[in-house]
Amino acid sequence: MTIPDKSVSPDRPGRLEPTGRRVGLARHLPLITLLAGLNGCAVFHPTPCPEDLARLPVVEFSKMPPPGDFILKLPAGKSIPVRVTVKGSLLTESVDQTLNTTIVRDLYLHKEWASWDGKDWHGATDLVGADLTLALPSDAHPKPGEITLTVDRKDRP
């Protein structure tokens, strides 16, 4: 996920602040690319018909999806790689690293929809929230830069 720098005004969402202030990306879900296709800026579509979704193949993360439409399952406890890249013209070299994490509960994903059980579907941002913060070394933050991605489950009844 590329974070655009729209820093015309300090009040604009998406601004990258060297002070560690939130960058206004809470609406985006980078299940990132782990969490890669979930984002709260998607065009609104009516809730999918459960019967239609029940007919789609369910593909577990890391398996080869079939051509066409499918549901992606992120299984609880299974390693999910997250790629982190730091690059740019100010740097002498780019850094690219893959980190592994797991989720605490199965998560089913289809377009902008998500489900805990593969049957009861909601907008992905209704089930999962993401918050990205960035702090670059500066006079206000005179220590190593930090990138923090917080991914939280939003409990639904």
Protein backbone atom coordinates (compact mmCIF):
# COMPACT_ATOMS: atom_id res chain seq x y z
CA MET A 1 0.00 0.00 0.00
CA THR A 2 1.45 3.35 -0.99
CA ILE A 3 0.74 6.28 1.30
CA PRO A 4 0.26 9.44 -0.76
CA ASP A 5 1.80 12.59 0.68
CA LYS A 6 -0.97 15.15 0.36
CA SER A 7 0.70 17.57 2.70
CA VAL A 8 -0.62 20.85 1.35
CA SER A 9 -2.14 21.53 4.75
CA PRO A 10 -1.35 19.97 8.14
CA ASP A 11 -5.06 19.23 8.54
CA ARG A 12 -5.34 17.05 5.43
CA PRO A 13 -5.79 13.30 5.84
CA GLY A 14 -2.87 11.27 4.55
CA ARG A 15 -0.21 13.73 5.73
CA LEU A 16 2.97 12.06 6.88
CA GLU A 17 3.98 13.72 10.13
CA PRO A 18 7.52 13.35 11.50
CA THR A 19 6.12 13.72 15.01
CA GLY A 20 4.32 10.40 15.05
CA ARG A 21 0.88 11.94 14.64
CA ARG A 22 -1.70 9.69 13.02
CA VAL A 23 -1.59 9.86 9.28
CA GLY A 24 -5.34 9.64 8.69
CA LEU A 25 -5.40 6.16 7.28
CA ALA A 26 -7.77 4.55 9.76
CA ARG A 27 -10.30 3.97 6.99
CA HIS A 28 -7.85 1.83 5.04
CA LEU A 29 -7.29 -1.77 5.83
CA PRO A 30 -4.08 -3.11 4.91
CA LEU A 31 -4.76 -6.51 5.86
CA ILE A 32 -2.54 -4.89 3.97
CA THR A 33 -1.68 -6.73 1.82
CA LEU A 34 -1.94 -9.34 4.25
CA LEU A 35 -4.77 -7.47 4.76
CA ALA A 36 -4.49 -6.32 1.22
CA GLY A 37 -7.63 -5.63 -0.43
CA LEU A 38 -9.63 -4.45 2.42
CA ASN A 39 -10.17 -0.76 2.38
CA GLY A 40 -12.87 1.52 3.63
CA CYS A 41 -12.76 3.69 0.55
CA ALA A 42 -14.30 1.06 -1.67
CA VAL A 43 -17.42 1.93 -3.59
CA PHE A 44 -20.52 0.93 -1.65
CA HIS A 45 -22.22 -2.22 -2.90
CA PRO A 46 -25.29 -3.82 -1.37
CA THR A 47 -24.66 -6.70 1.00
CA PRO A 48 -23.95 -9.79 -1.06
CA CYS A 49 -26.53 -12.53 -1.13
CA PRO A 50 -25.41 -15.28 1.29
CA GLU A 51 -26.66 -17.95 -1.13
CA ASP A 52 -24.48 -16.52 -3.92
CA LEU A 53 -21.44 -16.39 -1.66
CA ALA A 54 -22.09 -19.94 -0.44
CA ARG A 55 -21.59 -21.13 -4.03
CA LEU A 56 -18.13 -19.55 -4.32
CA PRO A 57 -15.03 -21.62 -3.68
CA VAL A 58 -13.23 -20.86 -0.40
CA VAL A 59 -9.47 -20.61 -0.86
CA GLU A 60 -7.20 -20.70 2.16
CA PHE A 61 -4.49 -18.04 2.20
CA SER A 62 -1.30 -19.15 0.40
CA LYS A 63 -3.18 -21.63 -1.82
CA MET A 64 -3.61 -20.95 -5.54
CA PRO A 65 -7.01 -19.35 -6.21
CA PRO A 66 -9.10 -20.60 -9.13
CA PRO A 67 -9.86 -18.29 -12.02
CA GLY A 68 -12.88 -16.10 -11.33
CA ASP A 69 -14.59 -15.16 -8.11
CA PHE A 70 -13.67 -16.79 -4.79
CA ILE A 71 -13.60 -16.20 -1.03
CA LEU A 72 -10.22 -15.89 0.68
CA LYS A 73 -9.91 -17.50 4.11
CA LEU A 74 -7.27 -16.26 6.52
CA PRO A 75 -7.15 -19.11 9.05
CA ALA A 76 -6.53 -18.45 12.73
CA GLY A 77 -3.08 -19.44 13.91
CA LYS A 78 -1.60 -19.84 10.41
CA SER A 79 1.40 -17.70 9.53
CA ILE A 80 0.56 -14.73 7.32
CA PRO A 81 3.57 -12.96 5.80
CA VAL A 82 3.55 -9.15 5.72
CA ARG A 83 6.04 -7.47 3.41
CA VAL A 84 7.58 -4.20 4.62
CA THR A 85 9.51 -2.00 2.19
CA VAL A 86 11.35 1.24 2.90
CA LYS A 87 12.65 2.98 -0.22
CA GLY A 88 13.17 6.39 -1.76
CA SER A 89 15.59 8.80 -3.37
CA LEU A 90 16.90 10.04 -0.01
CA LEU A 91 18.09 6.55 0.96
CA THR A 92 21.35 4.93 -0.10
CA GLU A 93 19.58 1.60 -0.39
CA SER A 94 16.08 0.18 -0.11
CA VAL A 95 15.10 -2.24 2.63
CA ASP A 96 12.65 -5.04 2.02
CA GLN A 97 11.72 -7.51 4.72
CA THR A 98 8.98 -10.04 5.27
CA LEU A 99 7.53 -10.37 8.76
CA ASN A 100 5.18 -13.14 9.79
CA THR A 101 2.13 -12.82 11.99
CA THR A 102 -1.00 -14.81 12.77
CA ILE A 103 -4.59 -13.83 13.45
CA VAL A 104 -6.60 -15.00 16.45
CA ARG A 105 -9.74 -15.93 14.56
CA ASP A 106 -10.63 -17.18 11.08
CA LEU A 107 -11.45 -14.34 8.70
CA TYR A 108 -13.20 -14.75 5.35
CA LEU A 109 -12.77 -12.01 2.73
CA HIS A 110 -14.62 -11.28 -0.48
CA LYS A 111 -14.10 -7.93 -2.18
CA GLU A 112 -14.99 -5.32 0.45
CA TRP A 113 -16.89 -7.85 2.58
CA ALA A 114 -15.71 -9.88 5.55
CA SER A 115 -17.09 -12.63 7.75
CA TRP A 116 -15.94 -14.47 10.86
CA ASP A 117 -17.75 -17.68 9.87
CA GLY A 118 -18.10 -17.50 6.08
CA LYS A 119 -21.88 -17.08 6.40
CA ASP A 120 -22.70 -13.78 8.12
CA TRP A 121 -21.19 -11.02 5.93
CA HIS A 122 -20.49 -7.38 6.81
CA GLY A 123 -18.48 -4.53 5.34
CA ALA A 124 -14.86 -5.39 6.05
CA THR A 125 -14.34 -2.17 7.99
CA ASP A 126 -17.22 -3.16 10.28
CA LEU A 127 -15.28 -6.24 11.42
CA VAL A 128 -11.65 -5.15 11.19
CA GLY A 129 -10.09 -1.78 11.96
CA ALA A 130 -6.61 -0.66 11.03
CA ASP A 131 -4.57 2.31 12.17
CA LEU A 132 -1.20 3.23 10.72
CA THR A 133 1.15 5.63 12.47
CA LEU A 134 4.50 6.88 11.30
CA ALA A 135 7.21 8.71 13.22
CA LEU A 136 10.32 9.77 11.34
CA PRO A 137 13.52 10.81 13.12
CA SER A 138 13.34 14.55 13.77
CA ASP A 139 13.88 17.13 16.48
CA ALA A 140 10.47 16.13 17.87
CA HIS A 141 11.35 12.40 17.64
CA PRO A 142 15.18 12.15 18.03
CA LYS A 143 15.28 8.37 17.90
CA PRO A 144 14.81 5.68 15.24
CA GLY A 145 11.81 6.02 12.98
CA GLU A 146 8.75 3.93 13.80
CA ILE A 147 5.99 2.50 11.70
CA THR A 148 3.14 1.00 13.67
CA LEU A 149 0.23 -0.85 12.13
CA THR A 150 -2.51 -1.72 14.59
CA VAL A 151 -5.11 -4.19 13.34
CA ASP A 152 -8.06 -4.72 15.67
CA ARG A 153 -11.10 -6.93 15.65
CA LYS A 154 -14.35 -5.04 15.95
CA ASP A 155 -16.74 -7.25 17.86
CA ARG A 156 -20.24 -7.58 16.47
CA PRO A 157 -23.17 -9.18 18.24
